[in-house]
Amino acid sequence: MTNATCAHVSTLPDPAPQARTPEGCEDCLRSGGRWVHLRLCLTCGHVGCCDSSPNKHATAHHHETSHPIVRSFEPGEDWRWCYDDEVIL
């Protein structure tokens, strides 16, 4: 897997926003759902669950807002994903 670049990186806020609820997926916490892994939206700081989770809230957040890039919110991981260009950054 190679890392790529995309034009959306230049549109990210500087510095990236901080998560409002780092203890879990914001939407799952509200609904009583569960998650597998967490993703942090680098536009607004929303924390959502990954596509391996039942509700796929990070992807749903992208579809609702068009915010293009998330990063892993898992300890020890620093990769980012651009939904629009479908590349790991």
C-alpha atoms as a PDB file:
ATOM      1  CA  MET A   1       0.000   0.000   0.000  1.00  0.00           C
ATOM      2  CA  THR A   2       1.539   3.308  -1.027  1.00  0.00           C
ATOM      3  CA  ASN A   3       0.829   6.660   0.448  1.00  0.00           C
ATOM      4  CA  ALA A   4      -0.491   9.245  -1.961  1.00  0.00           C
ATOM      5  CA  THR A   5      -1.398  12.889  -1.918  1.00  0.00           C
ATOM      6  CA  CYS A   6      -4.584  14.704  -2.800  1.00  0.00           C
ATOM      7  CA  ALA A   7      -5.648  18.305  -3.276  1.00  0.00           C
ATOM      8  CA  HIS A   8      -7.907  18.125  -0.196  1.00  0.00           C
ATOM      9  CA  VAL A   9      -4.940  18.118   2.183  1.00  0.00           C
ATOM     10  CA  SER A  10      -4.319  21.786   1.434  1.00  0.00           C
ATOM     11  CA  THR A  11      -7.888  22.650   2.523  1.00  0.00           C
ATOM     12  CA  LEU A  12      -7.529  21.198   6.031  1.00  0.00           C
ATOM     13  CA  PRO A  13      -7.644  23.599   8.969  1.00  0.00           C
ATOM     14  CA  ASP A  14      -4.291  24.325  10.559  1.00  0.00           C
ATOM     15  CA  PRO A  15      -3.941  22.916  13.129  1.00  0.00           C
ATOM     16  CA  ALA A  16      -6.374  20.021  12.734  1.00  0.00           C
ATOM     17  CA  PRO A  17      -9.356  20.228  15.102  1.00  0.00           C
ATOM     18  CA  GLN A  18      -9.365  18.249  18.323  1.00  0.00           C
ATOM     19  CA  ALA A  19     -11.942  15.541  18.923  1.00  0.00           C
ATOM     20  CA  ARG A  20     -14.850  16.570  21.109  1.00  0.00           C
ATOM     21  CA  THR A  21     -15.467  13.055  22.515  1.00  0.00           C
ATOM     22  CA  PRO A  22     -12.290  11.010  22.353  1.00  0.00           C
ATOM     23  CA  GLU A  23     -13.825   8.218  24.447  1.00  0.00           C
ATOM     24  CA  GLY A  24     -15.728   6.785  21.471  1.00  0.00           C
ATOM     25  CA  CYS A  25     -17.842   7.281  18.381  1.00  0.00           C
ATOM     26  CA  GLU A  26     -20.005  10.346  19.000  1.00  0.00           C
ATOM     27  CA  ASP A  27     -23.013   8.876  17.213  1.00  0.00           C
ATOM     28  CA  CYS A  28     -22.737   5.415  18.811  1.00  0.00           C
ATOM     29  CA  LEU A  29     -22.443   7.002  22.250  1.00  0.00           C
ATOM     30  CA  ARG A  30     -25.696   8.894  21.616  1.00  0.00           C
ATOM     31  CA  SER A  31     -27.585   5.881  20.199  1.00  0.00           C
ATOM     32  CA  GLY A  32     -26.161   3.103  22.359  1.00  0.00           C
ATOM     33  CA  GLY A  33     -24.371   1.533  19.415  1.00  0.00           C
ATOM     34  CA  ARG A  34     -20.959  -0.110  19.341  1.00  0.00           C
ATOM     35  CA  TRP A  35     -17.844   0.481  17.280  1.00  0.00           C
ATOM     36  CA  VAL A  36     -14.744  -1.414  16.168  1.00  0.00           C
ATOM     37  CA  HIS A  37     -12.283   1.408  15.376  1.00  0.00           C
ATOM     38  CA  LEU A  38     -12.510   5.185  15.444  1.00  0.00           C
ATOM     39  CA  ARG A  39     -11.860   7.827  12.775  1.00  0.00           C
ATOM     40  CA  LEU A  40     -11.324  11.563  13.321  1.00  0.00           C
ATOM     41  CA  CYS A  41     -12.643  14.037  10.744  1.00  0.00           C
ATOM     42  CA  LEU A  42      -9.806  16.455  10.027  1.00  0.00           C
ATOM     43  CA  THR A  43     -12.190  19.221   8.983  1.00  0.00           C
ATOM     44  CA  CYS A  44     -14.377  19.488  12.080  1.00  0.00           C
ATOM     45  CA  GLY A  45     -13.107  16.981  14.664  1.00  0.00           C
ATOM     46  CA  HIS A  46     -16.097  14.609  14.540  1.00  0.00           C
ATOM     47  CA  VAL A  47     -15.193  11.155  15.884  1.00  0.00           C
ATOM     48  CA  GLY A  48     -16.999   8.363  14.062  1.00  0.00           C
ATOM     49  CA  CYS A  49     -16.741   4.607  13.784  1.00  0.00           C
ATOM     50  CA  CYS A  50     -15.038   2.795  10.914  1.00  0.00           C
ATOM     51  CA  ASP A  51     -16.620   0.792   8.114  1.00  0.00           C
ATOM     52  CA  SER A  52     -16.014  -2.444  10.052  1.00  0.00           C
ATOM     53  CA  SER A  53     -18.440  -1.097  12.673  1.00  0.00           C
ATOM     54  CA  PRO A  54     -22.175  -1.799  12.310  1.00  0.00           C
ATOM     55  CA  ASN A  55     -23.182   1.831  11.694  1.00  0.00           C
ATOM     56  CA  LYS A  56     -20.178   3.181   9.730  1.00  0.00           C
ATOM     57  CA  HIS A  57     -20.619   6.653  11.234  1.00  0.00           C
ATOM     58  CA  ALA A  58     -17.346   8.118   9.890  1.00  0.00           C
ATOM     59  CA  THR A  59     -18.395   7.400   6.295  1.00  0.00           C
ATOM     60  CA  ALA A  60     -21.939   8.607   7.037  1.00  0.00           C
ATOM     61  CA  HIS A  61     -20.442  11.857   8.364  1.00  0.00           C
ATOM     62  CA  HIS A  62     -18.516  12.269   5.095  1.00  0.00           C
ATOM     63  CA  HIS A  63     -21.699  11.732   3.046  1.00  0.00           C
ATOM     64  CA  GLU A  64     -23.617  14.263   5.175  1.00  0.00           C
ATOM     65  CA  THR A  65     -20.935  16.965   5.239  1.00  0.00           C
ATOM     66  CA  SER A  66     -18.568  16.321   2.291  1.00  0.00           C
ATOM     67  CA  HIS A  67     -15.633  16.620   4.703  1.00  0.00           C
ATOM     68  CA  PRO A  68     -12.994  14.735   2.690  1.00  0.00           C
ATOM     69  CA  ILE A  69     -10.302  13.448   5.069  1.00  0.00           C
ATOM     70  CA  VAL A  70     -10.265  11.371   8.251  1.00  0.00           C
ATOM     71  CA  ARG A  71      -7.379   9.960  10.203  1.00  0.00           C
ATOM     72  CA  SER A  72      -7.263   6.888  12.340  1.00  0.00           C
ATOM     73  CA  PHE A  73      -8.118   7.693  15.940  1.00  0.00           C
ATOM     74  CA  GLU A  74      -6.529   4.477  17.169  1.00  0.00           C
ATOM     75  CA  PRO A  75      -3.431   4.556  19.424  1.00  0.00           C
ATOM     76  CA  GLY A  76      -0.217   4.187  17.431  1.00  0.00           C
ATOM     77  CA  GLU A  77      -1.834   4.785  14.027  1.00  0.00           C
ATOM     78  CA  ASP A  78      -1.280   7.986  12.038  1.00  0.00           C
ATOM     79  CA  TRP A  79      -2.645   7.238   8.564  1.00  0.00           C
ATOM     80  CA  ARG A  80      -5.253   9.415   6.872  1.00  0.00           C
ATOM     81  CA  TRP A  81      -7.898   8.542   4.259  1.00  0.00           C
ATOM     82  CA  CYS A  82      -9.379  10.813   1.604  1.00  0.00           C
ATOM     83  CA  TYR A  83     -12.927   9.718   0.815  1.00  0.00           C
ATOM     84  CA  ASP A  84     -13.125  11.813  -2.365  1.00  0.00           C
ATOM     85  CA  ASP A  85      -9.917  10.497  -3.935  1.00  0.00           C
ATOM     86  CA  GLU A  86     -10.034   7.081  -2.204  1.00  0.00           C
ATOM     87  CA  VAL A  87      -6.372   7.208  -1.189  1.00  0.00           C
ATOM     88  CA  ILE A  88      -4.370   6.670   1.984  1.00  0.00           C
ATOM     89  CA  LEU A  89      -2.332   9.747   2.787  1.00  0.00           C
END
